[in-house]
């Protein structure tokens, strides 16, 4: 299992739309994430920043990401959510959400 963190800016004028959409994420979008080996996906809000966290349990993250991006229902979801967001990713990186580097993790048990 590998952990991923990412950040993006929430456009203030679209805040209510984004929150409303995420109060009832489409079941097909959630299933596509599960089928893509994503677990424990969580989005946190702080001011106008969205922090996303998920755990990846598969063997080929890039291939699973491509399969999810090719899913028509996920594409329709992104057409609604992308205008609510402002990317903080490095231009030309190919990322929409800016990846974050993990610097510390508390394990479940003491060594």
PDB file of N, CA and C in Angstrom:
ATOM      1  N   UNK A   1       0.855  -1.177   0.000  1.00  0.00           N
ATOM      2  CA  UNK A   1       0.000   0.000   0.000  1.00  0.00           C
ATOM      3  C   UNK A   1       0.897   1.235   0.000  1.00  0.00           C
ATOM      4  N   UNK A   2       0.505   2.219  -0.792  1.00  0.00           N
ATOM      5  CA  UNK A   2       1.231   3.484  -0.850  1.00  0.00           C
ATOM      6  C   UNK A   2       0.243   4.621  -0.600  1.00  0.00           C
ATOM      7  N   UNK A   3       0.665   5.620   0.166  1.00  0.00           N
ATOM      8  CA  UNK A   3      -0.172   6.783   0.488  1.00  0.00           C
ATOM      9  C   UNK A   3       0.130   7.926  -0.481  1.00  0.00           C
ATOM     10  N   UNK A   4      -0.921   8.661  -0.860  1.00  0.00           N
ATOM     11  CA  UNK A   4      -0.780   9.820  -1.740  1.00  0.00           C
ATOM     12  C   UNK A   4      -1.487  11.012  -1.109  1.00  0.00           C
ATOM     13  N   UNK A   5      -0.839  12.159  -1.146  1.00  0.00           N
ATOM     14  CA  UNK A   5      -1.431  13.416  -0.719  1.00  0.00           C
ATOM     15  C   UNK A   5      -1.338  14.416  -1.859  1.00  0.00           C
ATOM     16  N   UNK A   6      -2.319  15.281  -1.956  1.00  0.00           N
ATOM     17  CA  UNK A   6      -2.351  16.262  -3.036  1.00  0.00           C
ATOM     18  C   UNK A   6      -3.152  17.475  -2.588  1.00  0.00           C
ATOM     19  N   UNK A   7      -2.932  18.601  -3.268  1.00  0.00           N
ATOM     20  CA  UNK A   7      -3.587  19.846  -2.880  1.00  0.00           C
ATOM     21  C   UNK A   7      -4.024  20.606  -4.136  1.00  0.00           C
ATOM     22  N   UNK A   8      -5.102  21.357  -3.990  1.00  0.00           N
ATOM     23  CA  UNK A   8      -5.631  22.197  -5.071  1.00  0.00           C
ATOM     24  C   UNK A   8      -6.405  23.339  -4.420  1.00  0.00           C
ATOM     25  N   UNK A   9      -6.564  24.419  -5.140  1.00  0.00           N
ATOM     26  CA  UNK A   9      -7.329  25.553  -4.614  1.00  0.00           C
ATOM     27  C   UNK A   9      -8.793  25.418  -5.024  1.00  0.00           C
ATOM     28  N   UNK A  10      -9.685  25.675  -4.079  1.00  0.00           N
ATOM     29  CA  UNK A  10     -11.124  25.720  -4.344  1.00  0.00           C
ATOM     30  C   UNK A  10     -11.493  27.156  -4.689  1.00  0.00           C
ATOM     31  N   UNK A  11     -12.075  27.361  -5.851  1.00  0.00           N
ATOM     32  CA  UNK A  11     -12.482  28.707  -6.251  1.00  0.00           C
ATOM     33  C   UNK A  11     -13.648  29.144  -5.359  1.00  0.00           C
ATOM     34  N   UNK A  12     -13.494  30.260  -4.653  1.00  0.00           N
ATOM     35  CA  UNK A  12     -14.525  30.687  -3.696  1.00  0.00           C
ATOM     36  C   UNK A  12     -15.917  30.810  -4.310  1.00  0.00           C
ATOM     37  N   UNK A  13     -15.989  31.242  -5.542  1.00  0.00           N
ATOM     38  CA  UNK A  13     -17.297  31.426  -6.183  1.00  0.00           C
ATOM     39  C   UNK A  13     -17.976  30.091  -6.516  1.00  0.00           C
ATOM     40  N   UNK A  14     -17.243  28.986  -6.425  1.00  0.00           N
ATOM     41  CA  UNK A  14     -17.807  27.661  -6.703  1.00  0.00           C
ATOM     42  C   UNK A  14     -17.847  26.772  -5.459  1.00  0.00           C
ATOM     43  N   UNK A  15     -17.568  27.361  -4.316  1.00  0.00           N
ATOM     44  CA  UNK A  15     -17.487  26.589  -3.071  1.00  0.00           C
ATOM     45  C   UNK A  15     -18.751  25.777  -2.803  1.00  0.00           C
ATOM     46  N   UNK A  16     -19.900  26.411  -2.847  1.00  0.00           N
ATOM     47  CA  UNK A  16     -21.151  25.713  -2.529  1.00  0.00           C
ATOM     48  C   UNK A  16     -21.437  24.599  -3.520  1.00  0.00           C
ATOM     49  N   UNK A  17     -21.153  24.827  -4.787  1.00  0.00           N
ATOM     50  CA  UNK A  17     -21.350  23.786  -5.802  1.00  0.00           C
ATOM     51  C   UNK A  17     -20.478  22.580  -5.495  1.00  0.00           C
ATOM     52  N   UNK A  18     -19.213  22.827  -5.213  1.00  0.00           N
ATOM     53  CA  UNK A  18     -18.270  21.743  -4.930  1.00  0.00           C
ATOM     54  C   UNK A  18     -18.694  20.955  -3.690  1.00  0.00           C
ATOM     55  N   UNK A  19     -19.072  21.662  -2.639  1.00  0.00           N
ATOM     56  CA  UNK A  19     -19.504  20.986  -1.414  1.00  0.00           C
ATOM     57  C   UNK A  19     -20.784  20.181  -1.642  1.00  0.00           C
ATOM     58  N   UNK A  20     -21.704  20.741  -2.417  1.00  0.00           N
ATOM     59  CA  UNK A  20     -22.943  20.024  -2.730  1.00  0.00           C
ATOM     60  C   UNK A  20     -22.641  18.746  -3.519  1.00  0.00           C
ATOM     61  N   UNK A  21     -21.769  18.844  -4.516  1.00  0.00           N
ATOM     62  CA  UNK A  21     -21.418  17.662  -5.308  1.00  0.00           C
ATOM     63  C   UNK A  21     -20.798  16.572  -4.434  1.00  0.00           C
ATOM     64  N   UNK A  22     -19.933  16.968  -3.516  1.00  0.00           N
ATOM     65  CA  UNK A  22     -19.253  15.979  -2.692  1.00  0.00           C
ATOM     66  C   UNK A  22     -20.090  15.480  -1.517  1.00  0.00           C
ATOM     67  N   UNK A  23     -21.219  16.090  -1.294  1.00  0.00           N
ATOM     68  CA  UNK A  23     -22.157  15.563  -0.302  1.00  0.00           C
ATOM     69  C   UNK A  23     -22.863  14.313  -0.842  1.00  0.00           C
ATOM     70  N   UNK A  24     -22.795  14.119  -2.160  1.00  0.00           N
ATOM     71  CA  UNK A  24     -23.448  12.970  -2.791  1.00  0.00           C
ATOM     72  C   UNK A  24     -22.656  12.566  -4.038  1.00  0.00           C
ATOM     73  N   UNK A  25     -21.433  12.074  -3.834  1.00  0.00           N
ATOM     74  CA  UNK A  25     -20.599  11.640  -4.960  1.00  0.00           C
ATOM     75  C   UNK A  25     -21.307  10.494  -5.669  1.00  0.00           C
ATOM     76  N   UNK A  26     -21.275  10.553  -6.985  1.00  0.00           N
ATOM     77  CA  UNK A  26     -21.960   9.527  -7.775  1.00  0.00           C
ATOM     78  C   UNK A  26     -21.398   8.139  -7.465  1.00  0.00           C
ATOM     79  N   UNK A  27     -22.274   7.157  -7.269  1.00  0.00           N
ATOM     80  CA  UNK A  27     -21.806   5.792  -6.970  1.00  0.00           C
ATOM     81  C   UNK A  27     -20.876   5.229  -8.043  1.00  0.00           C
ATOM     82  N   UNK A  28     -21.121   5.549  -9.301  1.00  0.00           N
ATOM     83  CA  UNK A  28     -20.246   5.061 -10.369  1.00  0.00           C
ATOM     84  C   UNK A  28     -18.840   5.620 -10.278  1.00  0.00           C
ATOM     85  N   UNK A  29     -18.722   6.866  -9.867  1.00  0.00           N
ATOM     86  CA  UNK A  29     -17.406   7.484  -9.674  1.00  0.00           C
ATOM     87  C   UNK A  29     -16.696   6.809  -8.505  1.00  0.00           C
ATOM     88  N   UNK A  30     -17.415   6.565  -7.424  1.00  0.00           N
ATOM     89  CA  UNK A  30     -16.819   5.879  -6.281  1.00  0.00           C
ATOM     90  C   UNK A  30     -16.371   4.472  -6.660  1.00  0.00           C
ATOM     91  N   UNK A  31     -17.170   3.768  -7.463  1.00  0.00           N
ATOM     92  CA  UNK A  31     -16.802   2.406  -7.866  1.00  0.00           C
ATOM     93  C   UNK A  31     -15.579   2.418  -8.769  1.00  0.00           C
ATOM     94  N   UNK A  32     -15.473   3.405  -9.645  1.00  0.00           N
ATOM     95  CA  UNK A  32     -14.297   3.514 -10.506  1.00  0.00           C
ATOM     96  C   UNK A  32     -13.039   3.708  -9.665  1.00  0.00           C
ATOM     97  N   UNK A  33     -13.142   4.497  -8.602  1.00  0.00           N
ATOM     98  CA  UNK A  33     -12.002   4.666  -7.702  1.00  0.00           C
ATOM     99  C   UNK A  33     -11.639   3.338  -7.038  1.00  0.00           C
ATOM    100  N   UNK A  34     -12.645   2.628  -6.560  1.00  0.00           N
ATOM    101  CA  UNK A  34     -12.370   1.325  -5.932  1.00  0.00           C
ATOM    102  C   UNK A  34     -11.745   0.356  -6.933  1.00  0.00           C
ATOM    103  N   UNK A  35     -12.298   0.330  -8.152  1.00  0.00           N
ATOM    104  CA  UNK A  35     -11.766  -0.556  -9.196  1.00  0.00           C
ATOM    105  C   UNK A  35     -10.337  -0.161  -9.576  1.00  0.00           C
ATOM    106  N   UNK A  36      -9.987   1.098  -9.364  1.00  0.00           N
ATOM    107  CA  UNK A  36      -8.641   1.591  -9.629  1.00  0.00           C
ATOM    108  C   UNK A  36      -7.701   1.415  -8.451  1.00  0.00           C
ATOM    109  N   UNK A  37      -8.099   0.587  -7.489  1.00  0.00           N
ATOM    110  CA  UNK A  37      -7.259   0.249  -6.333  1.00  0.00           C
ATOM    111  C   UNK A  37      -7.021   1.413  -5.382  1.00  0.00           C
ATOM    112  N   UNK A  38      -7.970   2.351  -5.339  1.00  0.00           N
ATOM    113  CA  UNK A  38      -7.917   3.483  -4.415  1.00  0.00           C
ATOM    114  C   UNK A  38      -8.729   3.107  -3.172  1.00  0.00           C
ATOM    115  N   UNK A  39      -8.151   3.361  -2.010  1.00  0.00           N
ATOM    116  CA  UNK A  39      -8.831   3.101  -0.751  1.00  0.00           C
ATOM    117  C   UNK A  39      -8.680   4.331   0.148  1.00  0.00           C
ATOM    118  N   UNK A  40      -9.629   4.496   1.053  1.00  0.00           N
ATOM    119  CA  UNK A  40      -9.575   5.568   2.064  1.00  0.00           C
ATOM    120  C   UNK A  40      -9.348   6.952   1.448  1.00  0.00           C
ATOM    121  N   UNK A  41     -10.000   7.216   0.327  1.00  0.00           N
ATOM    122  CA  UNK A  41      -9.874   8.534  -0.307  1.00  0.00           C
ATOM    123  C   UNK A  41     -10.632   9.539   0.557  1.00  0.00           C
ATOM    124  N   UNK A  42      -9.955  10.606   0.933  1.00  0.00           N
ATOM    125  CA  UNK A  42     -10.529  11.643   1.777  1.00  0.00           C
ATOM    126  C   UNK A  42     -10.138  12.995   1.212  1.00  0.00           C
ATOM    127  N   UNK A  43     -11.071  13.943   1.211  1.00  0.00           N
ATOM    128  CA  UNK A  43     -10.765  15.321   0.845  1.00  0.00           C
ATOM    129  C   UNK A  43     -11.075  16.189   2.056  1.00  0.00           C
ATOM    130  N   UNK A  44     -10.097  16.988   2.448  1.00  0.00           N
ATOM    131  CA  UNK A  44     -10.231  17.929   3.557  1.00  0.00           C
ATOM    132  C   UNK A  44     -10.265  19.340   2.992  1.00  0.00           C
ATOM    133  N   UNK A  45     -10.953  20.245   3.682  1.00  0.00           N
ATOM    134  CA  UNK A  45     -11.044  21.645   3.275  1.00  0.00           C
ATOM    135  C   UNK A  45     -10.461  22.527   4.372  1.00  0.00           C
ATOM    136  N   UNK A  46      -9.570  23.438   3.970  1.00  0.00           N
ATOM    137  CA  UNK A  46      -9.023  24.445   4.880  1.00  0.00           C
ATOM    138  C   UNK A  46      -9.013  25.771   4.129  1.00  0.00           C
ATOM    139  N   UNK A  47      -9.887  26.684   4.536  1.00  0.00           N
ATOM    140  CA  UNK A  47     -10.001  27.951   3.800  1.00  0.00           C
ATOM    141  C   UNK A  47     -10.402  27.670   2.364  1.00  0.00           C
ATOM    142  N   UNK A  48      -9.533  28.046   1.433  1.00  0.00           N
ATOM    143  CA  UNK A  48      -9.820  27.759   0.023  1.00  0.00           C
ATOM    144  C   UNK A  48      -8.901  26.675  -0.536  1.00  0.00           C
ATOM    145  N   UNK A  49      -8.305  25.883   0.354  1.00  0.00           N
ATOM    146  CA  UNK A  49      -7.447  24.785  -0.084  1.00  0.00           C
ATOM    147  C   UNK A  49      -8.126  23.451   0.177  1.00  0.00           C
ATOM    148  N   UNK A  50      -8.062  22.584  -0.816  1.00  0.00           N
ATOM    149  CA  UNK A  50      -8.534  21.214  -0.689  1.00  0.00           C
ATOM    150  C   UNK A  50      -7.314  20.315  -0.597  1.00  0.00           C
ATOM    151  N   UNK A  51      -7.283  19.465   0.410  1.00  0.00           N
ATOM    152  CA  UNK A  51      -6.218  18.490   0.573  1.00  0.00           C
ATOM    153  C   UNK A  51      -6.832  17.115   0.368  1.00  0.00           C
ATOM    154  N   UNK A  52      -6.297  16.362  -0.570  1.00  0.00           N
ATOM    155  CA  UNK A  52      -6.773  15.014  -0.828  1.00  0.00           C
ATOM    156  C   UNK A  52      -5.763  13.982  -0.354  1.00  0.00           C
ATOM    157  N   UNK A  53      -6.256  12.879   0.169  1.00  0.00           N
ATOM    158  CA  UNK A  53      -5.422  11.779   0.634  1.00  0.00           C
ATOM    159  C   UNK A  53      -6.075  10.480   0.189  1.00  0.00           C
ATOM    160  N   UNK A  54      -5.254   9.545  -0.302  1.00  0.00           N
ATOM    161  CA  UNK A  54      -5.768   8.207  -0.563  1.00  0.00           C
ATOM    162  C   UNK A  54      -4.644   7.194  -0.435  1.00  0.00           C
ATOM    163  N   UNK A  55      -5.055   5.940  -0.324  1.00  0.00           N
ATOM    164  CA  UNK A  55      -4.132   4.824  -0.260  1.00  0.00           C
ATOM    165  C   UNK A  55      -4.313   4.001  -1.529  1.00  0.00           C
ATOM    166  N   UNK A  56      -3.204   3.644  -2.135  1.00  0.00           N
ATOM    167  CA  UNK A  56      -3.221   2.857  -3.367  1.00  0.00           C
ATOM    168  C   UNK A  56      -2.748   1.440  -3.058  1.00  0.00           C
ATOM    169  N   UNK A  57      -3.575   0.444  -3.427  1.00  0.00           N
ATOM    170  CA  UNK A  57      -3.269  -0.945  -3.088  1.00  0.00           C
ATOM    171  C   UNK A  57      -2.957  -1.797  -4.313  1.00  0.00           C
ATOM    172  N   UNK A  58      -2.855  -1.179  -5.478  1.00  0.00           N
ATOM    173  CA  UNK A  58      -2.574  -1.932  -6.698  1.00  0.00           C
ATOM    174  C   UNK A  58      -1.098  -2.056  -6.992  1.00  0.00           C
ATOM    175  N   UNK A  59      -0.817  -2.530  -8.218  1.00  0.00           N
ATOM    176  CA  UNK A  59       0.562  -2.757  -8.653  1.00  0.00           C
ATOM    177  C   UNK A  59       1.037  -1.775  -9.716  1.00  0.00           C
ATOM    178  N   UNK A  60       0.108  -1.065 -10.364  1.00  0.00           N
ATOM    179  CA  UNK A  60       0.490  -0.156 -11.445  1.00  0.00           C
ATOM    180  C   UNK A  60      -0.355   1.114 -11.353  1.00  0.00           C
ATOM    181  N   UNK A  61       0.110   2.059 -10.545  1.00  0.00           N
ATOM    182  CA  UNK A  61      -0.630   3.295 -10.281  1.00  0.00           C
ATOM    183  C   UNK A  61      -0.918   4.050 -11.572  1.00  0.00           C
ATOM    184  N   UNK A  62       0.073   4.195 -12.432  1.00  0.00           N
ATOM    185  CA  UNK A  62      -0.117   4.948 -13.681  1.00  0.00           C
ATOM    186  C   UNK A  62      -1.203   4.326 -14.552  1.00  0.00           C
ATOM    187  N   UNK A  63      -1.182   3.003 -14.692  1.00  0.00           N
ATOM    188  CA  UNK A  63      -2.193   2.322 -15.514  1.00  0.00           C
ATOM    189  C   UNK A  63      -3.580   2.470 -14.899  1.00  0.00           C
ATOM    190  N   UNK A  64      -3.684   2.340 -13.586  1.00  0.00           N
ATOM    191  CA  UNK A  64      -4.979   2.505 -12.926  1.00  0.00           C
ATOM    192  C   UNK A  64      -5.475   3.941 -13.063  1.00  0.00           C
ATOM    193  N   UNK A  65      -4.591   4.912 -12.967  1.00  0.00           N
ATOM    194  CA  UNK A  65      -4.975   6.314 -13.153  1.00  0.00           C
ATOM    195  C   UNK A  65      -5.497   6.549 -14.575  1.00  0.00           C
ATOM    196  N   UNK A  66      -4.840   5.951 -15.571  1.00  0.00           N
ATOM    197  CA  UNK A  66      -5.305   6.098 -16.962  1.00  0.00           C
ATOM    198  C   UNK A  66      -6.683   5.473 -17.151  1.00  0.00           C
ATOM    199  N   UNK A  67      -6.898   4.289 -16.567  1.00  0.00           N
ATOM    200  CA  UNK A  67      -8.211   3.631 -16.682  1.00  0.00           C
ATOM    201  C   UNK A  67      -9.304   4.491 -16.048  1.00  0.00           C
ATOM    202  N   UNK A  68      -9.014   5.073 -14.895  1.00  0.00           N
ATOM    203  CA  UNK A  68     -10.007   5.936 -14.254  1.00  0.00           C
ATOM    204  C   UNK A  68     -10.269   7.173 -15.112  1.00  0.00           C
ATOM    205  N   UNK A  69      -9.230   7.747 -15.696  1.00  0.00           N
ATOM    206  CA  UNK A  69      -9.388   8.939 -16.534  1.00  0.00           C
ATOM    207  C   UNK A  69     -10.170   8.637 -17.804  1.00  0.00           C
ATOM    208  N   UNK A  70     -10.151   7.388 -18.256  1.00  0.00           N
ATOM    209  CA  UNK A  70     -10.881   6.998 -19.466  1.00  0.00           C
ATOM    210  C   UNK A  70     -12.349   6.671 -19.203  1.00  0.00           C
ATOM    211  N   UNK A  71     -12.734   6.587 -17.947  1.00  0.00           N
ATOM    212  CA  UNK A  71     -14.103   6.234 -17.578  1.00  0.00           C
ATOM    213  C   UNK A  71     -15.050   7.392 -17.910  1.00  0.00           C
ATOM    214  N   UNK A  72     -16.089   7.159 -18.730  1.00  0.00           N
ATOM    215  CA  UNK A  72     -16.999   8.243 -19.126  1.00  0.00           C
ATOM    216  C   UNK A  72     -17.706   8.923 -17.956  1.00  0.00           C
ATOM    217  N   UNK A  73     -18.109   8.163 -16.941  1.00  0.00           N
ATOM    218  CA  UNK A  73     -18.799   8.788 -15.809  1.00  0.00           C
ATOM    219  C   UNK A  73     -17.837   9.661 -14.999  1.00  0.00           C
ATOM    220  N   UNK A  74     -16.603   9.219 -14.856  1.00  0.00           N
ATOM    221  CA  UNK A  74     -15.593  10.028 -14.170  1.00  0.00           C
ATOM    222  C   UNK A  74     -15.317  11.303 -14.959  1.00  0.00           C
ATOM    223  N   UNK A  75     -15.253  11.194 -16.271  1.00  0.00           N
ATOM    224  CA  UNK A  75     -15.053  12.376 -17.115  1.00  0.00           C
ATOM    225  C   UNK A  75     -16.205  13.369 -16.946  1.00  0.00           C
ATOM    226  N   UNK A  76     -17.430  12.867 -16.873  1.00  0.00           N
ATOM    227  CA  UNK A  76     -18.592  13.743 -16.672  1.00  0.00           C
ATOM    228  C   UNK A  76     -18.518  14.405 -15.294  1.00  0.00           C
ATOM    229  N   UNK A  77     -18.074  13.664 -14.282  1.00  0.00           N
ATOM    230  CA  UNK A  77     -17.909  14.208 -12.936  1.00  0.00           C
ATOM    231  C   UNK A  77     -16.883  15.343 -12.949  1.00  0.00           C
ATOM    232  N   UNK A  78     -15.765  15.106 -13.622  1.00  0.00           N
ATOM    233  CA  UNK A  78     -14.706  16.121 -13.685  1.00  0.00           C
ATOM    234  C   UNK A  78     -15.169  17.381 -14.410  1.00  0.00           C
ATOM    235  N   UNK A  79     -16.076  17.227 -15.370  1.00  0.00           N
ATOM    236  CA  UNK A  79     -16.613  18.422 -16.058  1.00  0.00           C
ATOM    237  C   UNK A  79     -17.369  19.317 -15.080  1.00  0.00           C
ATOM    238  N   UNK A  80     -17.914  18.726 -14.030  1.00  0.00           N
ATOM    239  CA  UNK A  80     -18.610  19.502 -12.998  1.00  0.00           C
ATOM    240  C   UNK A  80     -17.655  20.030 -11.934  1.00  0.00           C
ATOM    241  N   UNK A  81     -16.665  19.205 -11.558  1.00  0.00           N
ATOM    242  CA  UNK A  81     -15.797  19.598 -10.446  1.00  0.00           C
ATOM    243  C   UNK A  81     -14.594  20.438 -10.869  1.00  0.00           C
ATOM    244  N   UNK A  82     -14.047  20.200 -12.048  1.00  0.00           N
ATOM    245  CA  UNK A  82     -12.841  20.941 -12.461  1.00  0.00           C
ATOM    246  C   UNK A  82     -13.025  22.460 -12.472  1.00  0.00           C
ATOM    247  N   UNK A  83     -14.163  22.984 -12.940  1.00  0.00           N
ATOM    248  CA  UNK A  83     -14.317  24.445 -12.910  1.00  0.00           C
ATOM    249  C   UNK A  83     -14.338  25.032 -11.492  1.00  0.00           C
ATOM    250  N   UNK A  84     -14.569  24.188 -10.501  1.00  0.00           N
ATOM    251  CA  UNK A  84     -14.590  24.633  -9.105  1.00  0.00           C
ATOM    252  C   UNK A  84     -13.179  24.768  -8.539  1.00  0.00           C
ATOM    253  N   UNK A  85     -12.199  24.274  -9.273  1.00  0.00           N
ATOM    254  CA  UNK A  85     -10.847  24.170  -8.753  1.00  0.00           C
ATOM    255  C   UNK A  85      -9.871  25.009  -9.570  1.00  0.00           C
ATOM    256  N   UNK A  86      -8.789  25.413  -8.905  1.00  0.00           N
ATOM    257  CA  UNK A  86      -7.669  26.087  -9.555  1.00  0.00           C
ATOM    258  C   UNK A  86      -6.408  25.286  -9.232  1.00  0.00           C
ATOM    259  N   UNK A  87      -5.790  24.744 -10.263  1.00  0.00           N
ATOM    260  CA  UNK A  87      -4.637  23.885 -10.063  1.00  0.00           C
ATOM    261  C   UNK A  87      -3.469  24.649  -9.449  1.00  0.00           C
ATOM    262  N   UNK A  88      -2.774  23.985  -8.552  1.00  0.00           N
ATOM    263  CA  UNK A  88      -1.540  24.505  -7.956  1.00  0.00           C
ATOM    264  C   UNK A  88      -0.333  23.703  -8.439  1.00  0.00           C
ATOM    265  N   UNK A  89      -0.580  22.760  -9.361  1.00  0.00           N
ATOM    266  CA  UNK A  89       0.492  21.903  -9.860  1.00  0.00           C
ATOM    267  C   UNK A  89       1.448  22.694 -10.745  1.00  0.00           C
ATOM    268  N   UNK A  90       2.661  22.214 -10.809  1.00  0.00           N
ATOM    269  CA  UNK A  90       3.687  22.808 -11.663  1.00  0.00           C
ATOM    270  C   UNK A  90       3.210  22.756 -13.116  1.00  0.00           C
ATOM    271  N   UNK A  91       3.194  23.890 -13.823  1.00  0.00           N
ATOM    272  CA  UNK A  91       2.780  23.870 -15.236  1.00  0.00           C
ATOM    273  C   UNK A  91       3.606  22.857 -16.035  1.00  0.00           C
ATOM    274  N   UNK A  92       2.920  22.107 -16.876  1.00  0.00           N
ATOM    275  CA  UNK A  92       3.572  21.096 -17.688  1.00  0.00           C
ATOM    276  C   UNK A  92       3.815  19.776 -16.986  1.00  0.00           C
ATOM    277  N   UNK A  93       3.411  19.673 -15.710  1.00  0.00           N
ATOM    278  CA  UNK A  93       3.653  18.441 -14.951  1.00  0.00           C
ATOM    279  C   UNK A  93       2.680  17.326 -15.319  1.00  0.00           C
ATOM    280  N   UNK A  94       1.560  17.692 -15.937  1.00  0.00           N
ATOM    281  CA  UNK A  94       0.533  16.701 -16.230  1.00  0.00           C
ATOM    282  C   UNK A  94      -0.417  16.443 -15.079  1.00  0.00           C
ATOM    283  N   UNK A  95      -0.207  17.133 -13.969  1.00  0.00           N
ATOM    284  CA  UNK A  95      -1.071  16.964 -12.799  1.00  0.00           C
ATOM    285  C   UNK A  95      -2.111  18.081 -12.752  1.00  0.00           C
ATOM    286  N   UNK A  96      -3.296  17.763 -12.247  1.00  0.00           N
ATOM    287  CA  UNK A  96      -4.320  18.768 -11.957  1.00  0.00           C
ATOM    288  C   UNK A  96      -4.201  19.154 -10.489  1.00  0.00           C
ATOM    289  N   UNK A  97      -4.299  18.162  -9.594  1.00  0.00           N
ATOM    290  CA  UNK A  97      -4.013  18.371  -8.177  1.00  0.00           C
ATOM    291  C   UNK A  97      -2.491  18.318  -8.031  1.00  0.00           C
ATOM    292  N   UNK A  98      -1.925  19.195  -7.215  1.00  0.00           N
ATOM    293  CA  UNK A  98      -0.482  19.202  -6.991  1.00  0.00           C
ATOM    294  C   UNK A  98      -0.104  18.081  -6.025  1.00  0.00           C
ATOM    295  N   UNK A  99       0.787  17.186  -6.432  1.00  0.00           N
ATOM    296  CA  UNK A  99       1.213  16.125  -5.521  1.00  0.00           C
ATOM    297  C   UNK A  99       1.981  16.703  -4.335  1.00  0.00           C
ATOM    298  N   UNK A 100       1.823  16.046  -3.203  1.00  0.00           N
ATOM    299  CA  UNK A 100       2.539  16.443  -1.987  1.00  0.00           C
ATOM    300  C   UNK A 100       3.491  15.315  -1.611  1.00  0.00           C
ATOM    301  N   UNK A 101       4.626  15.658  -1.045  1.00  0.00           N
ATOM    302  CA  UNK A 101       5.627  14.683  -0.628  1.00  0.00           C
ATOM    303  C   UNK A 101       5.375  14.310   0.832  1.00  0.00           C
ATOM    304  N   UNK A 102       5.272  13.026   1.088  1.00  0.00           N
ATOM    305  CA  UNK A 102       5.096  12.568   2.465  1.00  0.00           C
ATOM    306  C   UNK A 102       6.412  12.730   3.216  1.00  0.00           C
ATOM    307  N   UNK A 103       6.343  13.356   4.379  1.00  0.00           N
ATOM    308  CA  UNK A 103       7.562  13.552   5.160  1.00  0.00           C
ATOM    309  C   UNK A 103       7.536  12.829   6.508  1.00  0.00           C
ATOM    310  N   UNK A 104       6.365  12.342   6.936  1.00  0.00           N
ATOM    311  CA  UNK A 104       6.265  11.633   8.200  1.00  0.00           C
ATOM    312  C   UNK A 104       4.978  10.827   8.220  1.00  0.00           C
ATOM    313  N   UNK A 105       5.023   9.691   8.913  1.00  0.00           N
ATOM    314  CA  UNK A 105       3.845   8.841   9.042  1.00  0.00           C
ATOM    315  C   UNK A 105       3.930   8.085  10.367  1.00  0.00           C
ATOM    316  N   UNK A 106       2.876   8.134  11.157  1.00  0.00           N
ATOM    317  CA  UNK A 106       2.782   7.380  12.399  1.00  0.00           C
ATOM    318  C   UNK A 106       2.275   5.974  12.049  1.00  0.00           C
ATOM    319  N   UNK A 107       3.048   4.974  12.372  1.00  0.00           N
ATOM    320  CA  UNK A 107       2.624   3.600  12.109  1.00  0.00           C
ATOM    321  C   UNK A 107       1.633   3.169  13.175  1.00  0.00           C
ATOM    322  N   UNK A 108       0.953   2.071  12.898  1.00  0.00           N
ATOM    323  CA  UNK A 108      -0.066   1.580  13.826  1.00  0.00           C
ATOM    324  C   UNK A 108       0.532   1.063  15.125  1.00  0.00           C
ATOM    325  N   UNK A 109       1.735   0.509  15.059  1.00  0.00           N
ATOM    326  CA  UNK A 109       2.349  -0.059  16.240  1.00  0.00           C
ATOM    327  C   UNK A 109       3.733   0.545  16.440  1.00  0.00           C
ATOM    328  N   UNK A 110       4.147   0.613  17.677  1.00  0.00           N
ATOM    329  CA  UNK A 110       5.500   1.086  17.987  1.00  0.00           C
ATOM    330  C   UNK A 110       6.512   0.064  17.500  1.00  0.00           C
ATOM    331  N   UNK A 111       7.696   0.524  17.076  1.00  0.00           N
ATOM    332  CA  UNK A 111       8.720  -0.421  16.589  1.00  0.00           C
ATOM    333  C   UNK A 111       9.199  -1.354  17.678  1.00  0.00           C
TER     334      UNK A 111
END
